[in-house]
Amino acid sequence: MREYKTRKQLLAQTDYIITNAEFIAGAWTVTIKNNANGETNTDSGLKIYNVGNSYGVYGMNAGLYELEDKQGHVTLAAVPDRSTLLFLLG
């Protein structure tokens, strides 16, 4: 797992932001937003792997994740804020 000095450095690694995630029936259903064009997409049955974090005064403040679908396709996406991150780690 990689550690980023700042939240901005972590978020620069991807255009995709995780806006919602739910663990349902043993797999994740995740909604991501593409920052480049504003489109959102929801996929279910995903596996999530943490590949990096950034830390601030109050601890971890952003996370970088690989989202793997059933076909093995991987999307790199970030959780940009502490409240969403704490909800996902929950």
C-alpha atoms as a PDB file:
ATOM      1  CA  MET A   1       0.000   0.000   0.000  1.00  0.00           C
ATOM      2  CA  ARG A   2       1.291   3.435  -0.905  1.00  0.00           C
ATOM      3  CA  GLU A   3       1.141   6.438   1.373  1.00  0.00           C
ATOM      4  CA  TYR A   4       0.596   9.901  -0.130  1.00  0.00           C
ATOM      5  CA  LYS A   5       1.766  13.063   1.600  1.00  0.00           C
ATOM      6  CA  THR A   6      -1.336  15.037   0.707  1.00  0.00           C
ATOM      7  CA  ARG A   7      -4.938  14.402  -0.259  1.00  0.00           C
ATOM      8  CA  LYS A   8      -4.324  16.347  -3.496  1.00  0.00           C
ATOM      9  CA  GLN A   9      -1.479  14.000  -4.489  1.00  0.00           C
ATOM     10  CA  LEU A  10      -3.706  10.975  -3.913  1.00  0.00           C
ATOM     11  CA  LEU A  11      -6.643  12.403  -5.868  1.00  0.00           C
ATOM     12  CA  ALA A  12      -4.349  13.255  -8.796  1.00  0.00           C
ATOM     13  CA  GLN A  13      -3.887   9.513  -9.411  1.00  0.00           C
ATOM     14  CA  THR A  14      -7.406   9.032 -10.834  1.00  0.00           C
ATOM     15  CA  ASP A  15     -10.355  10.817 -12.432  1.00  0.00           C
ATOM     16  CA  TYR A  16     -12.845   8.547 -10.637  1.00  0.00           C
ATOM     17  CA  ILE A  17     -14.365   9.390  -7.259  1.00  0.00           C
ATOM     18  CA  ILE A  18     -16.353   6.912  -5.155  1.00  0.00           C
ATOM     19  CA  THR A  19     -19.590   8.656  -4.174  1.00  0.00           C
ATOM     20  CA  ASN A  20     -21.427   5.709  -2.599  1.00  0.00           C
ATOM     21  CA  ALA A  21     -20.719   2.110  -1.651  1.00  0.00           C
ATOM     22  CA  GLU A  22     -22.750  -0.648  -0.032  1.00  0.00           C
ATOM     23  CA  PHE A  23     -21.734  -4.167   0.957  1.00  0.00           C
ATOM     24  CA  ILE A  24     -24.574  -6.411  -0.229  1.00  0.00           C
ATOM     25  CA  ALA A  25     -24.615 -10.226  -0.315  1.00  0.00           C
ATOM     26  CA  GLY A  26     -20.859 -10.603   0.044  1.00  0.00           C
ATOM     27  CA  ALA A  27     -19.838  -8.049  -2.593  1.00  0.00           C
ATOM     28  CA  TRP A  28     -19.686  -4.285  -3.036  1.00  0.00           C
ATOM     29  CA  THR A  29     -22.077  -2.125  -5.029  1.00  0.00           C
ATOM     30  CA  VAL A  30     -20.219   1.078  -5.822  1.00  0.00           C
ATOM     31  CA  THR A  31     -21.181   4.348  -7.502  1.00  0.00           C
ATOM     32  CA  ILE A  32     -18.335   6.317  -9.054  1.00  0.00           C
ATOM     33  CA  LYS A  33     -18.241   9.741 -10.680  1.00  0.00           C
ATOM     34  CA  ASN A  34     -15.915  10.615 -13.538  1.00  0.00           C
ATOM     35  CA  ASN A  35     -14.456  14.047 -12.738  1.00  0.00           C
ATOM     36  CA  ALA A  36     -13.490  14.601 -16.377  1.00  0.00           C
ATOM     37  CA  ASN A  37     -17.043  14.452 -17.776  1.00  0.00           C
ATOM     38  CA  GLY A  38     -19.340  14.309 -14.702  1.00  0.00           C
ATOM     39  CA  GLU A  39     -20.890  10.939 -15.611  1.00  0.00           C
ATOM     40  CA  THR A  40     -21.814   8.534 -12.819  1.00  0.00           C
ATOM     41  CA  ASN A  41     -21.847   4.767 -12.994  1.00  0.00           C
ATOM     42  CA  THR A  42     -22.999   2.120 -10.507  1.00  0.00           C
ATOM     43  CA  ASP A  43     -21.589  -1.413 -10.579  1.00  0.00           C
ATOM     44  CA  SER A  44     -22.368  -4.330  -8.303  1.00  0.00           C
ATOM     45  CA  GLY A  45     -20.531  -7.506  -7.383  1.00  0.00           C
ATOM     46  CA  LEU A  46     -17.205  -5.710  -7.008  1.00  0.00           C
ATOM     47  CA  LYS A  47     -14.154  -6.560  -4.948  1.00  0.00           C
ATOM     48  CA  ILE A  48     -12.385  -3.543  -3.419  1.00  0.00           C
ATOM     49  CA  TYR A  49      -8.663  -3.343  -2.687  1.00  0.00           C
ATOM     50  CA  ASN A  50      -7.017  -0.430  -0.885  1.00  0.00           C
ATOM     51  CA  VAL A  51      -3.879   0.690  -2.735  1.00  0.00           C
ATOM     52  CA  GLY A  52      -3.088   3.964  -0.992  1.00  0.00           C
ATOM     53  CA  ASN A  53      -4.009   6.462   1.703  1.00  0.00           C
ATOM     54  CA  SER A  54      -3.236  10.033   2.626  1.00  0.00           C
ATOM     55  CA  TYR A  55      -3.169  11.321   6.168  1.00  0.00           C
ATOM     56  CA  GLY A  56      -3.956  14.652   7.769  1.00  0.00           C
ATOM     57  CA  VAL A  57      -4.080  16.066  11.268  1.00  0.00           C
ATOM     58  CA  TYR A  58      -6.956  13.766  12.259  1.00  0.00           C
ATOM     59  CA  GLY A  59      -5.669  10.610  10.592  1.00  0.00           C
ATOM     60  CA  MET A  60      -6.530   9.105   7.232  1.00  0.00           C
ATOM     61  CA  ASN A  61      -8.312  11.683   5.078  1.00  0.00           C
ATOM     62  CA  ALA A  62      -8.517  10.046   1.624  1.00  0.00           C
ATOM     63  CA  GLY A  63      -8.155   6.589   0.145  1.00  0.00           C
ATOM     64  CA  LEU A  64      -7.249   5.153  -3.254  1.00  0.00           C
ATOM     65  CA  TYR A  65      -8.905   1.871  -4.247  1.00  0.00           C
ATOM     66  CA  GLU A  66      -8.936  -0.683  -7.034  1.00  0.00           C
ATOM     67  CA  LEU A  67     -12.459  -1.816  -7.936  1.00  0.00           C
ATOM     68  CA  GLU A  68     -12.448  -5.241  -9.608  1.00  0.00           C
ATOM     69  CA  ASP A  69     -15.563  -6.459 -11.415  1.00  0.00           C
ATOM     70  CA  LYS A  70     -16.613 -10.063 -12.085  1.00  0.00           C
ATOM     71  CA  GLN A  71     -14.757 -10.095 -15.412  1.00  0.00           C
ATOM     72  CA  GLY A  72     -11.508  -9.011 -13.761  1.00  0.00           C
ATOM     73  CA  HIS A  73     -11.547  -5.421 -15.065  1.00  0.00           C
ATOM     74  CA  VAL A  74     -10.005  -2.994 -12.594  1.00  0.00           C
ATOM     75  CA  THR A  75     -10.860   0.679 -12.109  1.00  0.00           C
ATOM     76  CA  LEU A  76      -8.787   2.937  -9.892  1.00  0.00           C
ATOM     77  CA  ALA A  77     -10.987   5.262  -7.816  1.00  0.00           C
ATOM     78  CA  ALA A  78     -10.564   7.534  -4.811  1.00  0.00           C
ATOM     79  CA  VAL A  79     -12.568   8.328  -1.712  1.00  0.00           C
ATOM     80  CA  PRO A  80     -11.971  12.071  -1.435  1.00  0.00           C
ATOM     81  CA  ASP A  81     -13.129  12.964   2.064  1.00  0.00           C
ATOM     82  CA  ARG A  82     -12.856  11.693   5.609  1.00  0.00           C
ATOM     83  CA  SER A  83     -16.590  11.267   6.293  1.00  0.00           C
ATOM     84  CA  THR A  84     -17.143   9.014   3.245  1.00  0.00           C
ATOM     85  CA  LEU A  85     -13.971   7.107   4.037  1.00  0.00           C
ATOM     86  CA  LEU A  86     -15.082   6.435   7.613  1.00  0.00           C
ATOM     87  CA  PHE A  87     -18.498   5.302   6.344  1.00  0.00           C
ATOM     88  CA  LEU A  88     -16.863   2.798   3.961  1.00  0.00           C
ATOM     89  CA  LEU A  89     -14.487   1.486   6.612  1.00  0.00           C
ATOM     90  CA  GLY A  90     -17.347   1.400   8.983  1.00  0.00           C
END
